[in-house]
Amino acid sequence: MTARMLVAFATKRGSTREVAEAVATRLREHGAEVDVVPAADADEVDGYDAVVLGGSLYMGRWHPDARRFLRRHRGELAERPLAVFALGPLTTAAKDLEGSRRQLEHALGRFRDLEPRTTAVFGGVVHPEQLRFPFSHMPASDARDWDAIRAWADEVAGLASRTPAPA
């Protein structure tokens, strides 16, 4: 049976959407049927064997659409495998990744009844031309590690196959 997976994402400038699409592509390579949608537009999670939720971290907070997605679908998400990722730090230095991981854990701590099977934090992107002063003076950067993103997606691919679909 083909696993059906939802990849929902919350993004301001599009870099989290790009990661969500890369995760979905990898899941499809593993044979899953995958829908990719903005978290704000995800009306249902019923019918999916597993859910992946990604959101960007800004100023120490996880994107509000990601938090609202968890709140809105809390009951259904408790019944199926959930994987969560965040984009945030400007570098992949261990200290920066750890700081962003704490921010993600803080956001997920508000949903103690939900236990993601796996979480990941990936480097973020800065496009100064899209930002307001003073952030518009930051250097451009892209700290996403595409090998790490693909490896995490490989891990996520096993979630739906290990757990039967909810009734």
Protein backbone atom coordinates (compact mmCIF):
# COMPACT_ATOMS: atom_id res chain seq x y z
CA MET A 1 0.00 0.00 0.00
CA THR A 2 1.31 3.45 -0.93
CA ALA A 3 1.74 5.78 2.03
CA ARG A 4 -0.10 9.11 1.79
CA MET A 5 1.80 11.97 3.39
CA LEU A 6 1.08 15.64 3.91
CA VAL A 7 3.94 18.13 3.92
CA ALA A 8 2.68 21.45 5.30
CA PHE A 9 4.91 24.51 5.58
CA ALA A 10 4.87 28.01 7.05
CA THR A 11 7.15 30.56 5.41
CA LYS A 12 7.62 34.30 5.07
CA ARG A 13 10.01 34.54 2.14
CA GLY A 14 9.81 31.09 0.50
CA SER A 15 12.91 29.26 1.74
CA THR A 16 10.88 26.94 4.00
CA ARG A 17 8.60 26.14 1.04
CA GLU A 18 11.71 25.16 -0.95
CA VAL A 19 12.78 22.78 1.82
CA ALA A 20 9.25 21.35 2.07
CA GLU A 21 9.27 20.68 -1.66
CA ALA A 22 12.69 19.00 -1.42
CA VAL A 23 11.42 16.80 1.42
CA ALA A 24 8.33 15.91 -0.63
CA THR A 25 10.46 15.04 -3.66
CA ARG A 26 12.57 12.69 -1.55
CA LEU A 27 9.45 11.10 0.00
CA ARG A 28 8.08 10.49 -3.50
CA GLU A 29 11.37 8.79 -4.41
CA HIS A 30 10.60 6.41 -1.55
CA GLY A 31 7.21 5.67 -3.14
CA ALA A 32 4.95 7.88 -1.03
CA GLU A 33 2.06 9.87 -2.41
CA VAL A 34 2.69 13.41 -1.13
CA ASP A 35 0.70 16.63 -1.01
CA VAL A 36 2.56 19.88 -0.27
CA VAL A 37 0.49 22.80 1.02
CA PRO A 38 0.93 25.98 3.02
CA ALA A 39 0.09 25.24 6.66
CA ALA A 40 -2.51 28.02 6.66
CA ASP A 41 -4.36 26.29 3.79
CA ALA A 42 -4.25 22.73 5.17
CA ASP A 43 -7.89 22.07 6.01
CA GLU A 44 -7.61 18.35 6.74
CA VAL A 45 -5.04 15.83 7.89
CA ASP A 46 -7.46 12.90 7.89
CA GLY A 47 -6.61 10.46 5.14
CA TYR A 48 -2.87 10.92 5.54
CA ASP A 49 -0.68 8.20 7.00
CA ALA A 50 1.87 10.74 8.27
CA VAL A 51 2.30 14.51 8.43
CA VAL A 52 5.41 16.66 8.05
CA LEU A 53 5.25 20.25 9.27
CA GLY A 54 7.92 22.83 8.59
CA GLY A 55 8.16 26.40 9.72
CA SER A 56 10.67 29.19 9.78
CA LEU A 57 12.07 30.69 12.96
CA TYR A 58 12.10 34.48 13.17
CA MET A 59 13.36 36.46 16.13
CA GLY A 60 13.23 33.35 18.31
CA ARG A 61 9.67 32.34 17.42
CA TRP A 62 8.36 29.61 15.17
CA HIS A 63 6.15 30.87 12.34
CA PRO A 64 2.58 31.54 13.60
CA ASP A 65 1.03 29.49 10.77
CA ALA A 66 2.97 26.42 11.97
CA ARG A 67 1.74 26.94 15.53
CA ARG A 68 -1.85 27.46 14.33
CA PHE A 69 -1.61 24.27 12.23
CA LEU A 70 -0.70 22.26 15.34
CA ARG A 71 -3.49 23.88 17.33
CA ARG A 72 -6.11 23.39 14.59
CA HIS A 73 -5.25 19.72 13.90
CA ARG A 74 -4.10 18.70 17.36
CA GLY A 75 -6.47 15.74 17.77
CA GLU A 76 -5.82 14.26 14.34
CA LEU A 77 -2.05 14.75 14.65
CA ALA A 78 -2.01 12.82 17.92
CA GLU A 79 -3.28 9.80 15.97
CA ARG A 80 -0.61 9.65 13.27
CA PRO A 81 3.14 10.00 12.86
CA LEU A 82 4.30 13.61 12.86
CA ALA A 83 7.67 14.97 11.76
CA VAL A 84 8.64 18.60 12.32
CA PHE A 85 11.38 20.82 10.94
CA ALA A 86 12.41 24.43 11.30
CA LEU A 87 14.68 26.79 9.41
CA GLY A 88 16.42 29.42 11.38
CA PRO A 89 20.07 29.86 12.15
CA LEU A 90 22.23 31.89 9.79
CA THR A 91 25.03 29.33 10.06
CA THR A 92 25.29 25.61 10.63
CA ALA A 93 27.61 26.09 13.59
CA ALA A 94 26.62 23.73 16.41
CA LYS A 95 25.90 26.62 18.79
CA ASP A 96 23.56 28.29 16.27
CA LEU A 97 21.73 25.06 15.44
CA GLU A 98 21.35 24.28 19.16
CA GLY A 99 19.91 27.73 19.85
CA SER A 100 17.34 27.27 17.09
CA ARG A 101 16.58 23.74 18.30
CA ARG A 102 15.75 25.20 21.75
CA GLN A 103 13.43 27.72 20.08
CA LEU A 104 11.64 24.93 18.21
CA GLU A 105 11.38 22.80 21.35
CA HIS A 106 9.92 25.78 23.21
CA ALA A 107 7.26 26.17 20.51
CA LEU A 108 6.47 22.44 20.53
CA GLY A 109 6.34 22.48 24.35
CA ARG A 110 2.96 24.20 24.10
CA PHE A 111 1.65 21.00 22.50
CA ARG A 112 2.72 18.40 25.05
CA ASP A 113 0.12 15.92 23.79
CA LEU A 114 1.86 15.85 20.39
CA GLU A 115 5.09 13.91 20.15
CA PRO A 116 6.83 14.29 16.81
CA ARG A 117 8.65 11.11 15.84
CA THR A 118 11.52 13.21 14.51
CA THR A 119 12.46 16.88 14.48
CA ALA A 120 15.17 18.74 12.60
CA VAL A 121 16.59 22.23 12.42
CA PHE A 122 18.22 23.45 9.24
CA GLY A 123 20.07 26.64 8.44
CA GLY A 124 18.09 29.58 7.16
CA VAL A 125 18.32 32.03 4.31
CA VAL A 126 18.82 35.80 4.28
CA HIS A 127 17.85 37.85 1.23
CA PRO A 128 18.64 41.40 2.41
CA GLU A 129 16.77 42.95 -0.52
CA GLN A 130 13.54 41.47 0.89
CA LEU A 131 14.07 42.82 4.40
CA ARG A 132 13.44 46.11 6.15
CA PHE A 133 16.07 48.25 7.81
CA PRO A 134 18.22 47.38 9.73
CA PHE A 135 18.03 43.76 8.54
CA SER A 136 18.37 44.91 4.93
CA HIS A 137 22.04 45.57 5.69
CA MET A 138 22.76 41.95 6.64
CA PRO A 139 24.93 39.97 4.24
CA ALA A 140 23.10 37.56 1.94
CA SER A 141 23.40 33.95 3.06
CA ASP A 142 21.96 30.49 2.56
CA ALA A 143 22.86 28.05 5.34
CA ARG A 144 20.60 25.21 4.19
CA ASP A 145 22.44 21.90 4.09
CA TRP A 146 20.69 20.02 1.28
CA ASP A 147 22.46 16.74 2.10
CA ALA A 148 21.17 16.95 5.69
CA ILE A 149 17.69 17.82 4.42
CA ARG A 150 17.64 14.79 2.09
CA ALA A 151 18.99 12.51 4.86
CA TRP A 152 16.25 13.70 7.22
CA ALA A 153 13.62 13.13 4.51
CA ASP A 154 14.93 9.56 4.17
CA GLU A 155 14.31 9.10 7.90
CA VAL A 156 10.83 10.59 7.59
CA ALA A 157 9.99 8.22 4.71
CA GLY A 158 9.91 5.31 7.15
CA LEU A 159 7.29 6.89 9.42
CA ALA A 160 4.19 5.96 7.48
CA SER A 161 5.44 2.49 6.61
CA ARG A 162 6.03 1.62 10.30
CA THR A 163 2.59 2.71 11.46
CA PRO A 164 -0.75 1.59 10.02
CA ALA A 165 -3.02 4.33 8.75
CA PRO A 166 -5.57 5.54 11.29
CA ALA A 167 -9.08 4.17 10.92
